[in-house]
PDB file of N, CA and C in Angstrom:
ATOM      1  N   MET A   1     -66.931 -94.290  93.568  1.00  0.00           N
ATOM      2  CA  MET A   1     -66.266 -94.761  94.767  1.00  0.00           C
ATOM      3  C   MET A   1     -67.278 -95.269  95.796  1.00  0.00           C
ATOM      4  N   ALA A   2     -68.444 -94.621  95.833  1.00  0.00           N
ATOM      5  CA  ALA A   2     -69.471 -95.036  96.791  1.00  0.00           C
ATOM      6  C   ALA A   2     -69.933 -96.463  96.508  1.00  0.00           C
ATOM      7  N   SER A   3     -70.009 -96.839  95.240  1.00  0.00           N
ATOM      8  CA  SER A   3     -70.462 -98.193  94.916  1.00  0.00           C
ATOM      9  C   SER A   3     -69.441 -99.235  95.372  1.00  0.00           C
ATOM     10  N   VAL A   4     -68.155 -98.916  95.307  1.00  0.00           N
ATOM     11  CA  VAL A   4     -67.119 -99.841  95.780  1.00  0.00           C
ATOM     12  C   VAL A   4     -67.249-100.036  97.290  1.00  0.00           C
ATOM     13  N   VAL A   5     -67.482 -98.947  97.998  1.00  0.00           N
ATOM     14  CA  VAL A   5     -67.642 -99.025  99.453  1.00  0.00           C
ATOM     15  C   VAL A   5     -68.880 -99.841  99.806  1.00  0.00           C
ATOM     16  N   ILE A   6     -69.948 -99.660  99.059  1.00  0.00           N
ATOM     17  CA  ILE A   6     -71.182-100.399  99.323  1.00  0.00           C
ATOM     18  C   ILE A   6     -70.982-101.893  99.084  1.00  0.00           C
ATOM     19  N   VAL A   7     -70.284-102.248  98.016  1.00  0.00           N
ATOM     20  CA  VAL A   7     -70.015-103.667  97.726  1.00  0.00           C
ATOM     21  C   VAL A   7     -69.123-104.268  98.809  1.00  0.00           C
ATOM     22  N   LEU A   8     -68.076-103.550  99.206  1.00  0.00           N
ATOM     23  CA  LEU A   8     -67.201-104.041 100.274  1.00  0.00           C
ATOM     24  C   LEU A   8     -67.960-104.213 101.583  1.00  0.00           C
ATOM     25  N   LYS A   9     -68.831-103.269 101.889  1.00  0.00           N
ATOM     26  CA  LYS A   9     -69.645-103.371 103.102  1.00  0.00           C
ATOM     27  C   LYS A   9     -70.540-104.603 103.056  1.00  0.00           C
ATOM     28  N   GLY A  10     -71.113-104.888 101.903  1.00  0.00           N
ATOM     29  CA  GLY A  10     -71.940-106.085 101.757  1.00  0.00           C
ATOM     30  C   GLY A  10     -71.145-107.367 101.937  1.00  0.00           C
ATOM     31  N   LEU A  11     -69.930-107.394 101.401  1.00  0.00           N
ATOM     32  CA  LEU A  11     -69.080-108.576 101.568  1.00  0.00           C
ATOM     33  C   LEU A  11     -68.675-108.776 103.026  1.00  0.00           C
ATOM     34  N   VAL A  12     -68.381-107.690 103.715  1.00  0.00           N
ATOM     35  CA  VAL A  12     -68.029-107.780 105.132  1.00  0.00           C
ATOM     36  C   VAL A  12     -69.231-108.255 105.943  1.00  0.00           C
ATOM     37  N   GLU A  13     -70.420-107.767 105.601  1.00  0.00           N
ATOM     38  CA  GLU A  13     -71.630-108.232 106.291  1.00  0.00           C
ATOM     39  C   GLU A  13     -71.854-109.722 106.061  1.00  0.00           C
ATOM     40  N   PHE A  14     -71.646-110.185 104.837  1.00  0.00           N
ATOM     41  CA  PHE A  14     -71.814-111.606 104.538  1.00  0.00           C
ATOM     42  C   PHE A  14     -70.821-112.456 105.311  1.00  0.00           C
ATOM     43  N   ALA A  15     -69.568-112.011 105.349  1.00  0.00           N
ATOM     44  CA  ALA A  15     -68.549-112.744 106.099  1.00  0.00           C
ATOM     45  C   ALA A  15     -68.875-112.773 107.589  1.00  0.00           C
ATOM     46  N   GLY A  16     -69.385-111.670 108.101  1.00  0.00           N
ATOM     47  CA  GLY A  16     -69.783-111.632 109.508  1.00  0.00           C
ATOM     48  C   GLY A  16     -70.932-112.588 109.802  1.00  0.00           C
ATOM     49  N   LEU A  17     -71.878-112.654 108.896  1.00  0.00           N
ATOM     50  CA  LEU A  17     -72.985-113.594 109.081  1.00  0.00           C
ATOM     51  C   LEU A  17     -72.509-115.040 109.016  1.00  0.00           C
ATOM     52  N   LEU A  18     -71.532-115.321 108.169  1.00  0.00           N
ATOM     53  CA  LEU A  18     -70.963-116.672 108.126  1.00  0.00           C
ATOM     54  C   LEU A  18     -70.300-117.026 109.456  1.00  0.00           C
ATOM     55  N   LEU A  19     -69.570-116.070 110.045  1.00  0.00           N
ATOM     56  CA  LEU A  19     -68.936-116.332 111.336  1.00  0.00           C
ATOM     57  C   LEU A  19     -69.975-116.502 112.444  1.00  0.00           C
ATOM     58  N   LEU A  20     -71.044-115.710 112.395  1.00  0.00           N
ATOM     59  CA  LEU A  20     -72.120-115.880 113.376  1.00  0.00           C
ATOM     60  C   LEU A  20     -72.789-117.243 113.235  1.00  0.00           C
ATOM     61  N   ALA A  21     -73.022-117.663 111.992  1.00  0.00           N
ATOM     62  CA  ALA A  21     -73.626-118.979 111.755  1.00  0.00           C
ATOM     63  C   ALA A  21     -72.708-120.085 112.246  1.00  0.00           C
ATOM     64  N   ARG A  22     -71.407-119.925 112.033  1.00  0.00           N
ATOM     65  CA  ARG A  22     -70.446-120.920 112.520  1.00  0.00           C
ATOM     66  C   ARG A  22     -70.523-121.042 114.042  1.00  0.00           C
ATOM     67  N   GLY A  23     -70.599-119.924 114.720  1.00  0.00           N
ATOM     68  CA  GLY A  23     -70.724-119.952 116.176  1.00  0.00           C
ATOM     69  C   GLY A  23     -72.027-120.565 116.634  1.00  0.00           C
ATOM     70  N   ALA A  24     -73.118-120.252 115.942  1.00  0.00           N
ATOM     71  CA  ALA A  24     -74.422-120.803 116.322  1.00  0.00           C
ATOM     72  C   ALA A  24     -74.460-122.314 116.138  1.00  0.00           C
ATOM     73  N   VAL A  25     -73.923-122.806 115.028  1.00  0.00           N
ATOM     74  CA  VAL A  25     -73.909-124.252 114.791  1.00  0.00           C
ATOM     75  C   VAL A  25     -72.990-124.932 115.802  1.00  0.00           C
ATOM     76  N   PHE A  26     -71.886-124.297 116.152  1.00  0.00           N
ATOM     77  CA  PHE A  26     -70.983-124.845 117.165  1.00  0.00           C
ATOM     78  C   PHE A  26     -71.710-125.033 118.494  1.00  0.00           C
ATOM     79  N   VAL A  27     -72.474-124.023 118.885  1.00  0.00           N
ATOM     80  CA  VAL A  27     -73.195-124.094 120.164  1.00  0.00           C
ATOM     81  C   VAL A  27     -74.326-125.118 120.095  1.00  0.00           C
ATOM     82  N   LEU A  28     -75.033-125.155 118.990  1.00  0.00           N
ATOM     83  CA  LEU A  28     -76.215-126.011 118.886  1.00  0.00           C
ATOM     84  C   LEU A  28     -75.909-127.467 118.551  1.00  0.00           C
ATOM     85  N   SER A  29     -74.671-127.784 118.218  1.00  0.00           N
ATOM     86  CA  SER A  29     -74.352-129.169 117.878  1.00  0.00           C
ATOM     87  C   SER A  29     -73.910-129.977 119.093  1.00  0.00           C
ATOM     88  N   PHE A  30     -73.828-129.358 120.255  1.00  0.00           N
ATOM     89  CA  PHE A  30     -73.582-130.041 121.533  1.00  0.00           C
ATOM     90  C   PHE A  30     -72.361-130.961 121.497  1.00  0.00           C
ATOM     91  N   GLY A  31     -71.224-130.433 121.080  1.00  0.00           N
ATOM     92  CA  GLY A  31     -69.982-131.189 121.130  1.00  0.00           C
ATOM     93  C   GLY A  31     -69.703-132.077 119.937  1.00  0.00           C
ATOM     94  N   LYS A  32     -70.648-132.209 119.023  1.00  0.00           N
ATOM     95  CA  LYS A  32     -70.442-133.053 117.839  1.00  0.00           C
ATOM     96  C   LYS A  32     -70.287-132.194 116.586  1.00  0.00           C
ATOM     97  N   HIS A  33     -69.720-131.011 116.761  1.00  0.00           N
ATOM     98  CA  HIS A  33     -69.597-130.103 115.626  1.00  0.00           C
ATOM     99  C   HIS A  33     -68.624-130.619 114.569  1.00  0.00           C
ATOM    100  N   SER A  34     -67.651-131.418 114.962  1.00  0.00           N
ATOM    101  CA  SER A  34     -66.694-131.928 113.971  1.00  0.00           C
ATOM    102  C   SER A  34     -67.351-132.920 113.012  1.00  0.00           C
ATOM    103  N   GLN A  35     -68.471-133.502 113.388  1.00  0.00           N
ATOM    104  CA  GLN A  35     -69.188-134.450 112.528  1.00  0.00           C
ATOM    105  C   GLN A  35     -70.300-133.778 111.730  1.00  0.00           C
ATOM    106  N   ASN A  36     -70.594-132.523 112.032  1.00  0.00           N
ATOM    107  CA  ASN A  36     -71.697-131.822 111.394  1.00  0.00           C
ATOM    108  C   ASN A  36     -71.252-131.267 110.035  1.00  0.00           C
ATOM    109  N   PRO A  37     -71.911-131.684 108.939  1.00  0.00           N
ATOM    110  CA  PRO A  37     -71.493-131.203 107.611  1.00  0.00           C
ATOM    111  C   PRO A  37     -71.728-129.709 107.416  1.00  0.00           C
ATOM    112  N   ILE A  38     -72.753-129.158 108.049  1.00  0.00           N
ATOM    113  CA  ILE A  38     -73.004-127.718 107.941  1.00  0.00           C
ATOM    114  C   ILE A  38     -71.872-126.952 108.608  1.00  0.00           C
ATOM    115  N   TYR A  39     -71.450-127.413 109.771  1.00  0.00           N
ATOM    116  CA  TYR A  39     -70.350-126.765 110.482  1.00  0.00           C
ATOM    117  C   TYR A  39     -69.059-126.865 109.667  1.00  0.00           C
ATOM    118  N   GLN A  40     -68.825-128.023 109.055  1.00  0.00           N
ATOM    119  CA  GLN A  40     -67.630-128.191 108.234  1.00  0.00           C
ATOM    120  C   GLN A  40     -67.641-127.239 107.039  1.00  0.00           C
ATOM    121  N   ALA A  41     -68.817-127.036 106.446  1.00  0.00           N
ATOM    122  CA  ALA A  41     -68.922-126.094 105.322  1.00  0.00           C
ATOM    123  C   ALA A  41     -68.655-124.664 105.787  1.00  0.00           C
ATOM    124  N   LEU A  42     -69.192-124.312 106.961  1.00  0.00           N
ATOM    125  CA  LEU A  42     -68.958-122.969 107.486  1.00  0.00           C
ATOM    126  C   LEU A  42     -67.490-122.755 107.860  1.00  0.00           C
ATOM    127  N   VAL A  43     -66.849-123.782 108.376  1.00  0.00           N
ATOM    128  CA  VAL A  43     -65.416-123.682 108.678  1.00  0.00           C
ATOM    129  C   VAL A  43     -64.630-123.478 107.385  1.00  0.00           C
ATOM    130  N   PHE A  44     -65.005-124.196 106.340  1.00  0.00           N
ATOM    131  CA  PHE A  44     -64.330-124.039 105.046  1.00  0.00           C
ATOM    132  C   PHE A  44     -64.484-122.611 104.516  1.00  0.00           C
ATOM    133  N   LEU A  45     -65.688-122.056 104.638  1.00  0.00           N
ATOM    134  CA  LEU A  45     -65.942-120.717 104.113  1.00  0.00           C
ATOM    135  C   LEU A  45     -65.286-119.616 104.940  1.00  0.00           C
ATOM    136  N   THR A  46     -65.131-119.840 106.229  1.00  0.00           N
ATOM    137  CA  THR A  46     -64.560-118.807 107.092  1.00  0.00           C
ATOM    138  C   THR A  46     -63.074-119.008 107.372  1.00  0.00           C
ATOM    139  N   ARG A  47     -62.482-120.056 106.862  1.00  0.00           N
ATOM    140  CA  ARG A  47     -61.071-120.337 107.121  1.00  0.00           C
ATOM    141  C   ARG A  47     -60.139-119.184 106.721  1.00  0.00           C
ATOM    142  N   PRO A  48     -60.332-118.524 105.569  1.00  0.00           N
ATOM    143  CA  PRO A  48     -59.441-117.396 105.249  1.00  0.00           C
ATOM    144  C   PRO A  48     -59.522-116.261 106.276  1.00  0.00           C
ATOM    145  N   LEU A  49     -60.715-115.982 106.769  1.00  0.00           N
ATOM    146  CA  LEU A  49     -60.875-114.924 107.772  1.00  0.00           C
ATOM    147  C   LEU A  49     -60.176-115.285 109.069  1.00  0.00           C
ATOM    148  N   VAL A  50     -60.313-116.529 109.466  1.00  0.00           N
ATOM    149  CA  VAL A  50     -59.694-116.982 110.713  1.00  0.00           C
ATOM    150  C   VAL A  50     -58.174-116.999 110.574  1.00  0.00           C
ATOM    151  N   ARG A  51     -57.682-117.356 109.408  1.00  0.00           N
ATOM    152  CA  ARG A  51     -56.217-117.354 109.199  1.00  0.00           C
ATOM    153  C   ARG A  51     -55.648-115.940 109.277  1.00  0.00           C
ATOM    154  N   VAL A  52     -56.360-114.971 108.708  1.00  0.00           N
ATOM    155  CA  VAL A  52     -55.906-113.581 108.795  1.00  0.00           C
ATOM    156  C   VAL A  52     -55.921-113.121 110.253  1.00  0.00           C
ATOM    157  N   ALA A  53     -56.972-113.472 110.978  1.00  0.00           N
ATOM    158  CA  ALA A  53     -57.042-113.094 112.394  1.00  0.00           C
ATOM    159  C   ALA A  53     -55.935-113.774 113.188  1.00  0.00           C
ATOM    160  N   ARG A  54     -55.628-115.016 112.866  1.00  0.00           N
ATOM    161  CA  ARG A  54     -54.548-115.728 113.565  1.00  0.00           C
ATOM    162  C   ARG A  54     -53.197-115.061 113.285  1.00  0.00           C
ATOM    163  N   ALA A  55     -53.002-114.585 112.067  1.00  0.00           N
ATOM    164  CA  ALA A  55     -51.742-113.926 111.718  1.00  0.00           C
ATOM    165  C   ALA A  55     -51.590-112.586 112.438  1.00  0.00           C
ATOM    166  N   ILE A  56     -52.699-111.924 112.717  1.00  0.00           N
ATOM    167  CA  ILE A  56     -52.653-110.614 113.364  1.00  0.00           C
ATOM    168  C   ILE A  56     -52.519-110.728 114.876  1.00  0.00           C
ATOM    169  N   THR A  57     -53.174-111.722 115.458  1.00  0.00           N
ATOM    170  CA  THR A  57     -53.214-111.818 116.918  1.00  0.00           C
ATOM    171  C   THR A  57     -51.918-112.396 117.470  1.00  0.00           C
ATOM    172  N   PRO A  58     -51.595-112.048 118.712  1.00  0.00           N
ATOM    173  CA  PRO A  58     -50.393-112.626 119.328  1.00  0.00           C
ATOM    174  C   PRO A  58     -50.606-114.105 119.662  1.00  0.00           C
ATOM    175  N   ALA A  59     -49.529-114.803 119.921  1.00  0.00           N
ATOM    176  CA  ALA A  59     -49.594-116.238 120.202  1.00  0.00           C
ATOM    177  C   ALA A  59     -50.314-116.540 121.512  1.00  0.00           C
ATOM    178  N   ALA A  60     -50.459-115.548 122.371  1.00  0.00           N
ATOM    179  CA  ALA A  60     -51.132-115.764 123.650  1.00  0.00           C
ATOM    180  C   ALA A  60     -52.633-116.010 123.492  1.00  0.00           C
ATOM    181  N   VAL A  61     -53.189-115.622 122.351  1.00  0.00           N
ATOM    182  CA  VAL A  61     -54.612-115.845 122.105  1.00  0.00           C
ATOM    183  C   VAL A  61     -54.818-117.309 121.761  1.00  0.00           C
ATOM    184  N   VAL A  62     -55.725-117.960 122.462  1.00  0.00           N
ATOM    185  CA  VAL A  62     -56.003-119.381 122.264  1.00  0.00           C
ATOM    186  C   VAL A  62     -56.685-119.575 120.906  1.00  0.00           C
ATOM    187  N   ASP A  63     -56.373-120.674 120.225  1.00  0.00           N
ATOM    188  CA  ASP A  63     -56.948-120.941 118.906  1.00  0.00           C
ATOM    189  C   ASP A  63     -58.469-121.001 118.921  1.00  0.00           C
ATOM    190  N   ARG A  64     -59.046-121.412 120.035  1.00  0.00           N
ATOM    191  CA  ARG A  64     -60.507-121.467 120.137  1.00  0.00           C
ATOM    192  C   ARG A  64     -61.145-120.090 119.995  1.00  0.00           C
ATOM    193  N   HIS A  65     -60.404-119.046 120.330  1.00  0.00           N
ATOM    194  CA  HIS A  65     -60.970-117.702 120.341  1.00  0.00           C
ATOM    195  C   HIS A  65     -60.675-116.906 119.076  1.00  0.00           C
ATOM    196  N   VAL A  66     -59.942-117.486 118.164  1.00  0.00           N
ATOM    197  CA  VAL A  66     -59.526-116.730 116.982  1.00  0.00           C
ATOM    198  C   VAL A  66     -60.718-116.404 116.083  1.00  0.00           C
ATOM    199  N   ALA A  67     -61.706-117.264 115.996  1.00  0.00           N
ATOM    200  CA  ALA A  67     -62.887-116.965 115.188  1.00  0.00           C
ATOM    201  C   ALA A  67     -63.642-115.768 115.759  1.00  0.00           C
ATOM    202  N   ALA A  68     -63.703-115.656 117.082  1.00  0.00           N
ATOM    203  CA  ALA A  68     -64.338-114.492 117.701  1.00  0.00           C
ATOM    204  C   ALA A  68     -63.531-113.227 117.422  1.00  0.00           C
ATOM    205  N   VAL A  69     -62.213-113.347 117.437  1.00  0.00           N
ATOM    206  CA  VAL A  69     -61.355-112.208 117.101  1.00  0.00           C
ATOM    207  C   VAL A  69     -61.612-111.783 115.649  1.00  0.00           C
ATOM    208  N   ALA A  70     -61.753-112.745 114.761  1.00  0.00           N
ATOM    209  CA  ALA A  70     -62.045-112.437 113.362  1.00  0.00           C
ATOM    210  C   ALA A  70     -63.370-111.706 113.234  1.00  0.00           C
ATOM    211  N   PHE A  71     -64.365-112.126 114.017  1.00  0.00           N
ATOM    212  CA  PHE A  71     -65.662-111.453 113.973  1.00  0.00           C
ATOM    213  C   PHE A  71     -65.545-110.010 114.453  1.00  0.00           C
ATOM    214  N   PHE A  72     -64.827-109.781 115.544  1.00  0.00           N
ATOM    215  CA  PHE A  72     -64.688-108.421 116.055  1.00  0.00           C
ATOM    216  C   PHE A  72     -63.861-107.545 115.113  1.00  0.00           C
ATOM    217  N   LEU A  73     -62.873-108.122 114.450  1.00  0.00           N
ATOM    218  CA  LEU A  73     -62.134-107.361 113.438  1.00  0.00           C
ATOM    219  C   LEU A  73     -63.041-106.983 112.273  1.00  0.00           C
ATOM    220  N   LEU A  74     -63.880-107.921 111.838  1.00  0.00           N
ATOM    221  CA  LEU A  74     -64.836-107.618 110.775  1.00  0.00           C
ATOM    222  C   LEU A  74     -65.827-106.546 111.206  1.00  0.00           C
ATOM    223  N   PHE A  75     -66.215-106.580 112.468  1.00  0.00           N
ATOM    224  CA  PHE A  75     -67.135-105.560 112.968  1.00  0.00           C
ATOM    225  C   PHE A  75     -66.518-104.173 112.821  1.00  0.00           C
ATOM    226  N   TRP A  76     -65.248-104.031 113.198  1.00  0.00           N
ATOM    227  CA  TRP A  76     -64.614-102.715 113.111  1.00  0.00           C
ATOM    228  C   TRP A  76     -64.353-102.307 111.669  1.00  0.00           C
ATOM    229  N   VAL A  77     -64.087-103.255 110.800  1.00  0.00           N
ATOM    230  CA  VAL A  77     -63.979-102.943 109.370  1.00  0.00           C
ATOM    231  C   VAL A  77     -65.327-102.470 108.856  1.00  0.00           C
ATOM    232  N   TRP A  78     -66.401-103.118 109.302  1.00  0.00           N
ATOM    233  CA  TRP A  78     -67.753-102.728 108.897  1.00  0.00           C
ATOM    234  C   TRP A  78     -68.063-101.308 109.373  1.00  0.00           C
ATOM    235  N   VAL A  79     -67.717-100.981 110.619  1.00  0.00           N
ATOM    236  CA  VAL A  79     -67.950 -99.632 111.142  1.00  0.00           C
ATOM    237  C   VAL A  79     -67.189 -98.613 110.292  1.00  0.00           C
ATOM    238  N   GLY A  80     -65.946 -98.926 109.961  1.00  0.00           N
ATOM    239  CA  GLY A  80     -65.177 -98.025 109.105  1.00  0.00           C
ATOM    240  C   GLY A  80     -65.807 -97.835 107.737  1.00  0.00           C
ATOM    241  N   LEU A  81     -66.326 -98.909 107.157  1.00  0.00           N
ATOM    242  CA  LEU A  81     -66.981 -98.808 105.851  1.00  0.00           C
ATOM    243  C   LEU A  81     -68.281 -98.028 105.932  1.00  0.00           C
ATOM    244  N   VAL A  82     -69.011 -98.162 107.031  1.00  0.00           N
ATOM    245  CA  VAL A  82     -70.237 -97.380 107.208  1.00  0.00           C
ATOM    246  C   VAL A  82     -69.893 -95.891 107.273  1.00  0.00           C
ATOM    247  N   LEU A  83     -68.854 -95.546 108.019  1.00  0.00           N
ATOM    248  CA  LEU A  83     -68.437 -94.149 108.104  1.00  0.00           C
ATOM    249  C   LEU A  83     -67.936 -93.638 106.755  1.00  0.00           C
ATOM    250  N   LEU A  84     -67.208 -94.472 106.037  1.00  0.00           N
ATOM    251  CA  LEU A  84     -66.727 -94.091 104.717  1.00  0.00           C
ATOM    252  C   LEU A  84     -67.890 -93.912 103.741  1.00  0.00           C
ATOM    253  N   LYS A  85     -68.870 -94.775 103.845  1.00  0.00           N
ATOM    254  CA  LYS A  85     -70.047 -94.662 102.994  1.00  0.00           C
ATOM    255  C   LYS A  85     -70.801 -93.373 103.295  1.00  0.00           C
ATOM    256  N   ALA A  86     -70.848 -92.994 104.569  1.00  0.00           N
ATOM    257  CA  ALA A  86     -71.546 -91.760 104.938  1.00  0.00           C
ATOM    258  C   ALA A  86     -70.853 -90.540 104.361  1.00  0.00           C
ATOM    259  N   THR A  87     -69.551 -90.585 104.174  1.00  0.00           N
ATOM    260  CA  THR A  87     -68.863 -89.446 103.588  1.00  0.00           C
ATOM    261  C   THR A  87     -69.066 -89.367 102.076  1.00  0.00           C
ATOM    262  N   TYR A  88     -69.217 -90.513 101.414  1.00  0.00           N
ATOM    263  CA  TYR A  88     -69.403 -90.524  99.973  1.00  0.00           C
ATOM    264  C   TYR A  88     -70.856 -90.410  99.559  1.00  0.00           C
ATOM    265  N   ALA A  89     -71.769 -90.914 100.341  1.00  0.00           N
ATOM    266  CA  ALA A  89     -73.181 -90.901  99.980  1.00  0.00           C
ATOM    267  C   ALA A  89     -73.995 -90.403 101.169  1.00  0.00           C
ATOM    268  N   PRO A  90     -74.025 -89.084 101.384  1.00  0.00           N
ATOM    269  CA  PRO A  90     -74.774 -88.561 102.539  1.00  0.00           C
ATOM    270  C   PRO A  90     -76.267 -88.829 102.394  1.00  0.00           C
ATOM    271  N   VAL A  91     -76.912 -89.062 103.522  1.00  0.00           N
ATOM    272  CA  VAL A  91     -78.340 -89.334 103.553  1.00  0.00           C
ATOM    273  C   VAL A  91     -79.085 -88.011 103.680  1.00  0.00           C
ATOM    274  N   GLY A  92     -80.190 -87.882 102.988  1.00  0.00           N
ATOM    275  CA  GLY A  92     -81.004 -86.688 103.096  1.00  0.00           C
ATOM    276  C   GLY A  92     -81.216 -86.026 101.743  1.00  0.00           C
ATOM    277  N   PRO A  93     -81.961 -84.937 101.751  1.00  0.00           N
ATOM    278  CA  PRO A  93     -82.237 -84.254 100.479  1.00  0.00           C
ATOM    279  C   PRO A  93     -80.971 -83.592  99.928  1.00  0.00           C
ATOM    280  N   SER A  94     -80.904 -83.535  98.626  1.00  0.00           N
ATOM    281  CA  SER A  94     -79.708 -82.974  97.973  1.00  0.00           C
ATOM    282  C   SER A  94     -79.740 -81.479  97.971  1.00  0.00           C
TER     283      SER A  94
END
């Protein structure tokens, strides 16, 4: 079970890094992010995460902020997986 938690934690970390990269490219492209192929690739890779976040959030949340909501949801999933990993694989001498 610990190996499943570790793999899931790694996938959540990867998805979080993709969302961070998407935000960084958005900021660094100075308004031309829709023409940037790297940004388009990151949007393609993170689209499932953003769709899940959009389905969870109320309609009052602006679409521009849904990617940030997805990142914060992933953060809390990651925290939960870290705690779950600590229960299955305690650190220290046996």
